[in-house]
Amino acid sequence: MPKMKTKSSAKKRFKLTGTGKIKRKHAFKSHILTKKSKKRKLKLTHSTLVHDADEANIRQQLRLK
């Protein structure tokens, strides 16, 4: 049986932390930034962790155990 490939889209969007959690970036920071407040844009800059409900699905896409 051949090796299972990881989803390229997931590979580009998510990273693993040292403790095994999955890190992601915020959406809505690429364009139409003039109407968004400075505070909102600053909060969107920082990365965050994936929610527990979505973690199993992303682990499957990344082919992690």
PDB file of N, CA and C in Angstrom:
ATOM      1  N   MET A   1       0.840  -1.183   0.000  1.00  0.00           N
ATOM      2  CA  MET A   1       0.000   0.000   0.000  1.00  0.00           C
ATOM      3  C   MET A   1       0.887   1.249   0.000  1.00  0.00           C
ATOM      4  N   PRO A   2       0.566   2.252  -0.831  1.00  0.00           N
ATOM      5  CA  PRO A   2       1.417   3.459  -0.889  1.00  0.00           C
ATOM      6  C   PRO A   2       1.268   4.328   0.359  1.00  0.00           C
ATOM      7  N   LYS A   3       2.225   5.223   0.533  1.00  0.00           N
ATOM      8  CA  LYS A   3       2.177   6.152   1.655  1.00  0.00           C
ATOM      9  C   LYS A   3       0.998   7.100   1.491  1.00  0.00           C
ATOM     10  N   MET A   4       0.438   7.531   2.609  1.00  0.00           N
ATOM     11  CA  MET A   4      -0.647   8.508   2.589  1.00  0.00           C
ATOM     12  C   MET A   4      -0.044   9.907   2.468  1.00  0.00           C
ATOM     13  N   LYS A   5      -0.568  10.693   1.556  1.00  0.00           N
ATOM     14  CA  LYS A   5      -0.078  12.064   1.385  1.00  0.00           C
ATOM     15  C   LYS A   5      -0.803  13.007   2.340  1.00  0.00           C
ATOM     16  N   THR A   6      -0.093  14.037   2.796  1.00  0.00           N
ATOM     17  CA  THR A   6      -0.738  15.064   3.601  1.00  0.00           C
ATOM     18  C   THR A   6      -1.438  16.027   2.664  1.00  0.00           C
ATOM     19  N   LYS A   7      -2.459  16.710   3.177  1.00  0.00           N
ATOM     20  CA  LYS A   7      -3.152  17.737   2.394  1.00  0.00           C
ATOM     21  C   LYS A   7      -2.236  18.949   2.307  1.00  0.00           C
ATOM     22  N   SER A   8      -1.932  19.371   1.092  1.00  0.00           N
ATOM     23  CA  SER A   8      -1.013  20.503   0.914  1.00  0.00           C
ATOM     24  C   SER A   8      -1.560  21.779   1.522  1.00  0.00           C
ATOM     25  N   SER A   9      -2.889  21.965   1.451  1.00  0.00           N
ATOM     26  CA  SER A   9      -3.483  23.180   2.006  1.00  0.00           C
ATOM     27  C   SER A   9      -3.303  23.219   3.525  1.00  0.00           C
ATOM     28  N   ALA A  10      -3.469  22.080   4.177  1.00  0.00           N
ATOM     29  CA  ALA A  10      -3.307  22.026   5.636  1.00  0.00           C
ATOM     30  C   ALA A  10      -1.844  22.211   6.022  1.00  0.00           C
ATOM     31  N   LYS A  11      -0.954  21.647   5.210  1.00  0.00           N
ATOM     32  CA  LYS A  11       0.480  21.750   5.470  1.00  0.00           C
ATOM     33  C   LYS A  11       0.924  23.218   5.461  1.00  0.00           C
ATOM     34  N   LYS A  12       0.318  24.020   4.586  1.00  0.00           N
ATOM     35  CA  LYS A  12       0.686  25.431   4.475  1.00  0.00           C
ATOM     36  C   LYS A  12       0.060  26.286   5.573  1.00  0.00           C
ATOM     37  N   ARG A  13      -1.063  25.870   6.121  1.00  0.00           N
ATOM     38  CA  ARG A  13      -1.819  26.712   7.046  1.00  0.00           C
ATOM     39  C   ARG A  13      -1.550  26.448   8.524  1.00  0.00           C
ATOM     40  N   PHE A  14      -1.110  25.242   8.873  1.00  0.00           N
ATOM     41  CA  PHE A  14      -0.986  24.876  10.279  1.00  0.00           C
ATOM     42  C   PHE A  14       0.427  24.440  10.624  1.00  0.00           C
ATOM     43  N   LYS A  15       0.825  24.731  11.875  1.00  0.00           N
ATOM     44  CA  LYS A  15       2.116  24.301  12.394  1.00  0.00           C
ATOM     45  C   LYS A  15       1.881  23.657  13.754  1.00  0.00           C
ATOM     46  N   LEU A  16       2.771  22.744  14.126  1.00  0.00           N
ATOM     47  CA  LEU A  16       2.692  22.108  15.439  1.00  0.00           C
ATOM     48  C   LEU A  16       3.541  22.871  16.444  1.00  0.00           C
ATOM     49  N   THR A  17       3.033  23.016  17.657  1.00  0.00           N
ATOM     50  CA  THR A  17       3.824  23.615  18.723  1.00  0.00           C
ATOM     51  C   THR A  17       4.676  22.532  19.370  1.00  0.00           C
ATOM     52  N   GLY A  18       5.523  22.914  20.286  1.00  0.00           N
ATOM     53  CA  GLY A  18       6.378  21.955  20.960  1.00  0.00           C
ATOM     54  C   GLY A  18       5.608  20.965  21.810  1.00  0.00           C
ATOM     55  N   THR A  19       4.453  21.382  22.316  1.00  0.00           N
ATOM     56  CA  THR A  19       3.642  20.501  23.160  1.00  0.00           C
ATOM     57  C   THR A  19       2.656  19.664  22.348  1.00  0.00           C
ATOM     58  N   GLY A  20       2.652  19.835  21.022  1.00  0.00           N
ATOM     59  CA  GLY A  20       1.788  19.018  20.172  1.00  0.00           C
ATOM     60  C   GLY A  20       0.471  19.654  19.801  1.00  0.00           C
ATOM     61  N   LYS A  21       0.252  20.891  20.214  1.00  0.00           N
ATOM     62  CA  LYS A  21      -0.970  21.591  19.814  1.00  0.00           C
ATOM     63  C   LYS A  21      -0.788  22.138  18.403  1.00  0.00           C
ATOM     64  N   ILE A  22      -1.894  22.510  17.765  1.00  0.00           N
ATOM     65  CA  ILE A  22      -1.833  22.995  16.387  1.00  0.00           C
ATOM     66  C   ILE A  22      -2.064  24.505  16.382  1.00  0.00           C
ATOM     67  N   LYS A  23      -1.137  25.214  15.747  1.00  0.00           N
ATOM     68  CA  LYS A  23      -1.159  26.670  15.692  1.00  0.00           C
ATOM     69  C   LYS A  23      -1.721  27.113  14.348  1.00  0.00           C
ATOM     70  N   ARG A  24      -2.471  28.223  14.333  1.00  0.00           N
ATOM     71  CA  ARG A  24      -3.038  28.752  13.100  1.00  0.00           C
ATOM     72  C   ARG A  24      -2.972  30.278  13.116  1.00  0.00           C
ATOM     73  N   LYS A  25      -3.176  30.864  11.938  1.00  0.00           N
ATOM     74  CA  LYS A  25      -3.227  32.321  11.832  1.00  0.00           C
ATOM     75  C   LYS A  25      -4.672  32.769  11.734  1.00  0.00           C
ATOM     76  N   HIS A  26      -4.914  34.029  12.051  1.00  0.00           N
ATOM     77  CA  HIS A  26      -6.256  34.589  11.945  1.00  0.00           C
ATOM     78  C   HIS A  26      -6.579  34.936  10.494  1.00  0.00           C
ATOM     79  N   ALA A  27      -7.853  34.874  10.162  1.00  0.00           N
ATOM     80  CA  ALA A  27      -8.328  35.274   8.839  1.00  0.00           C
ATOM     81  C   ALA A  27      -8.640  36.770   8.835  1.00  0.00           C
ATOM     82  N   PHE A  28      -9.036  37.300   7.696  1.00  0.00           N
ATOM     83  CA  PHE A  28      -9.493  38.689   7.524  1.00  0.00           C
ATOM     84  C   PHE A  28      -8.392  39.719   7.742  1.00  0.00           C
ATOM     85  N   LYS A  29      -7.147  39.401   7.369  1.00  0.00           N
ATOM     86  CA  LYS A  29      -6.054  40.368   7.530  1.00  0.00           C
ATOM     87  C   LYS A  29      -5.336  40.610   6.202  1.00  0.00           C
ATOM     88  N   SER A  30      -5.961  40.237   5.071  1.00  0.00           N
ATOM     89  CA  SER A  30      -5.231  40.335   3.808  1.00  0.00           C
ATOM     90  C   SER A  30      -5.582  41.577   2.990  1.00  0.00           C
ATOM     91  N   HIS A  31      -6.827  42.021   3.025  1.00  0.00           N
ATOM     92  CA  HIS A  31      -7.205  43.200   2.237  1.00  0.00           C
ATOM     93  C   HIS A  31      -8.423  43.861   2.870  1.00  0.00           C
ATOM     94  N   ILE A  32      -8.819  45.006   2.322  1.00  0.00           N
ATOM     95  CA  ILE A  32      -9.894  45.854   2.872  1.00  0.00           C
ATOM     96  C   ILE A  32      -9.589  46.173   4.346  1.00  0.00           C
ATOM     97  N   LEU A  33      -8.397  46.721   4.571  1.00  0.00           N
ATOM     98  CA  LEU A  33      -7.959  46.977   5.935  1.00  0.00           C
ATOM     99  C   LEU A  33      -8.288  48.394   6.406  1.00  0.00           C
ATOM    100  N   THR A  34      -8.737  49.255   5.498  1.00  0.00           N
ATOM    101  CA  THR A  34      -8.964  50.651   5.875  1.00  0.00           C
ATOM    102  C   THR A  34     -10.143  50.808   6.819  1.00  0.00           C
ATOM    103  N   LYS A  35     -11.159  49.976   6.676  1.00  0.00           N
ATOM    104  CA  LYS A  35     -12.338  50.108   7.544  1.00  0.00           C
ATOM    105  C   LYS A  35     -12.198  49.362   8.866  1.00  0.00           C
ATOM    106  N   LYS A  36     -11.131  48.589   9.027  1.00  0.00           N
ATOM    107  CA  LYS A  36     -10.921  47.848  10.266  1.00  0.00           C
ATOM    108  C   LYS A  36     -10.083  48.694  11.226  1.00  0.00           C
ATOM    109  N   SER A  37     -10.430  48.626  12.484  1.00  0.00           N
ATOM    110  CA  SER A  37      -9.727  49.452  13.470  1.00  0.00           C
ATOM    111  C   SER A  37      -8.311  48.924  13.705  1.00  0.00           C
ATOM    112  N   LYS A  38      -7.480  49.802  14.236  1.00  0.00           N
ATOM    113  CA  LYS A  38      -6.086  49.441  14.512  1.00  0.00           C
ATOM    114  C   LYS A  38      -6.029  48.308  15.531  1.00  0.00           C
ATOM    115  N   LYS A  39      -6.893  48.376  16.537  1.00  0.00           N
ATOM    116  CA  LYS A  39      -6.947  47.347  17.576  1.00  0.00           C
ATOM    117  C   LYS A  39      -7.317  45.988  16.979  1.00  0.00           C
ATOM    118  N   ARG A  40      -8.297  45.992  16.075  1.00  0.00           N
ATOM    119  CA  ARG A  40      -8.745  44.744  15.445  1.00  0.00           C
ATOM    120  C   ARG A  40      -7.646  44.134  14.582  1.00  0.00           C
ATOM    121  N   LYS A  41      -6.973  44.982  13.805  1.00  0.00           N
ATOM    122  CA  LYS A  41      -5.893  44.496  12.936  1.00  0.00           C
ATOM    123  C   LYS A  41      -4.730  43.948  13.761  1.00  0.00           C
ATOM    124  N   LEU A  42      -4.432  44.587  14.893  1.00  0.00           N
ATOM    125  CA  LEU A  42      -3.353  44.129  15.765  1.00  0.00           C
ATOM    126  C   LEU A  42      -3.665  42.754  16.345  1.00  0.00           C
ATOM    127  N   LYS A  43      -4.929  42.555  16.746  1.00  0.00           N
ATOM    128  CA  LYS A  43      -5.327  41.253  17.294  1.00  0.00           C
ATOM    129  C   LYS A  43      -5.296  40.170  16.231  1.00  0.00           C
ATOM    130  N   LEU A  44      -5.587  40.518  14.974  1.00  0.00           N
ATOM    131  CA  LEU A  44      -5.567  39.539  13.886  1.00  0.00           C
ATOM    132  C   LEU A  44      -4.148  39.150  13.487  1.00  0.00           C
ATOM    133  N   THR A  45      -3.167  39.969  13.865  1.00  0.00           N
ATOM    134  CA  THR A  45      -1.775  39.700  13.507  1.00  0.00           C
ATOM    135  C   THR A  45      -1.235  38.469  14.219  1.00  0.00           C
ATOM    136  N   HIS A  46      -1.595  38.310  15.488  1.00  0.00           N
ATOM    137  CA  HIS A  46      -1.025  37.242  16.301  1.00  0.00           C
ATOM    138  C   HIS A  46      -1.668  35.893  15.981  1.00  0.00           C
ATOM    139  N   SER A  47      -0.864  34.849  16.069  1.00  0.00           N
ATOM    140  CA  SER A  47      -1.387  33.509  15.818  1.00  0.00           C
ATOM    141  C   SER A  47      -2.077  32.979  17.068  1.00  0.00           C
ATOM    142  N   THR A  48      -2.882  31.935  16.879  1.00  0.00           N
ATOM    143  CA  THR A  48      -3.628  31.342  17.978  1.00  0.00           C
ATOM    144  C   THR A  48      -3.676  29.842  17.786  1.00  0.00           C
ATOM    145  N   LEU A  49      -4.302  29.145  18.703  1.00  0.00           N
ATOM    146  CA  LEU A  49      -4.401  27.690  18.627  1.00  0.00           C
ATOM    147  C   LEU A  49      -5.720  27.282  17.988  1.00  0.00           C
ATOM    148  N   VAL A  50      -5.718  26.126  17.374  1.00  0.00           N
ATOM    149  CA  VAL A  50      -6.919  25.572  16.761  1.00  0.00           C
ATOM    150  C   VAL A  50      -7.855  25.102  17.875  1.00  0.00           C
ATOM    151  N   HIS A  51      -9.147  25.270  17.669  1.00  0.00           N
ATOM    152  CA  HIS A  51     -10.147  24.849  18.645  1.00  0.00           C
ATOM    153  C   HIS A  51     -10.150  23.327  18.772  1.00  0.00           C
ATOM    154  N   ASP A  52     -10.496  22.849  19.952  1.00  0.00           N
ATOM    155  CA  ASP A  52     -10.484  21.411  20.226  1.00  0.00           C
ATOM    156  C   ASP A  52     -11.407  20.627  19.290  1.00  0.00           C
ATOM    157  N   ALA A  53     -12.540  21.222  18.919  1.00  0.00           N
ATOM    158  CA  ALA A  53     -13.503  20.534  18.057  1.00  0.00           C
ATOM    159  C   ALA A  53     -12.947  20.298  16.654  1.00  0.00           C
ATOM    160  N   ASP A  54     -12.030  21.156  16.205  1.00  0.00           N
ATOM    161  CA  ASP A  54     -11.472  21.045  14.853  1.00  0.00           C
ATOM    162  C   ASP A  54     -10.139  20.299  14.820  1.00  0.00           C
ATOM    163  N   GLU A  55      -9.572  20.055  15.979  1.00  0.00           N
ATOM    164  CA  GLU A  55      -8.207  19.528  16.033  1.00  0.00           C
ATOM    165  C   GLU A  55      -8.084  18.132  15.417  1.00  0.00           C
ATOM    166  N   ALA A  56      -9.064  17.260  15.655  1.00  0.00           N
ATOM    167  CA  ALA A  56      -9.002  15.894  15.122  1.00  0.00           C
ATOM    168  C   ALA A  56      -9.033  15.901  13.599  1.00  0.00           C
ATOM    169  N   ASN A  57      -9.853  16.766  13.024  1.00  0.00           N
ATOM    170  CA  ASN A  57      -9.965  16.872  11.569  1.00  0.00           C
ATOM    171  C   ASN A  57      -8.655  17.352  10.952  1.00  0.00           C
ATOM    172  N   ILE A  58      -8.016  18.321  11.558  1.00  0.00           N
ATOM    173  CA  ILE A  58      -6.763  18.864  11.038  1.00  0.00           C
ATOM    174  C   ILE A  58      -5.633  17.856  11.204  1.00  0.00           C
ATOM    175  N   ARG A  59      -5.640  17.134  12.319  1.00  0.00           N
ATOM    176  CA  ARG A  59      -4.635  16.086  12.515  1.00  0.00           C
ATOM    177  C   ARG A  59      -4.750  15.013  11.432  1.00  0.00           C
ATOM    178  N   GLN A  60      -5.966  14.710  11.034  1.00  0.00           N
ATOM    179  CA  GLN A  60      -6.166  13.720   9.978  1.00  0.00           C
ATOM    180  C   GLN A  60      -5.636  14.257   8.648  1.00  0.00           C
ATOM    181  N   GLN A  61      -5.867  15.525   8.374  1.00  0.00           N
ATOM    182  CA  GLN A  61      -5.378  16.122   7.132  1.00  0.00           C
ATOM    183  C   GLN A  61      -3.849  16.174   7.105  1.00  0.00           C
ATOM    184  N   LEU A  62      -3.239  16.383   8.270  1.00  0.00           N
ATOM    185  CA  LEU A  62      -1.778  16.413   8.363  1.00  0.00           C
ATOM    186  C   LEU A  62      -1.195  15.019   8.530  1.00  0.00           C
ATOM    187  N   ARG A  63      -2.067  14.017   8.642  1.00  0.00           N
ATOM    188  CA  ARG A  63      -1.665  12.602   8.813  1.00  0.00           C
ATOM    189  C   ARG A  63      -0.861  12.412  10.096  1.00  0.00           C
ATOM    190  N   LEU A  64      -1.326  13.042  11.181  1.00  0.00           N
ATOM    191  CA  LEU A  64      -0.710  12.873  12.486  1.00  0.00           C
ATOM    192  C   LEU A  64      -1.532  11.879  13.297  1.00  0.00           C
ATOM    193  N   LYS A  65      -0.912  11.218  14.230  1.00  0.00           N
ATOM    194  CA  LYS A  65      -1.632  10.240  15.053  1.00  0.00           C
ATOM    195  C   LYS A  65      -2.383  10.943  16.157  1.00  0.00           C
TER     196      LYS A  65
END
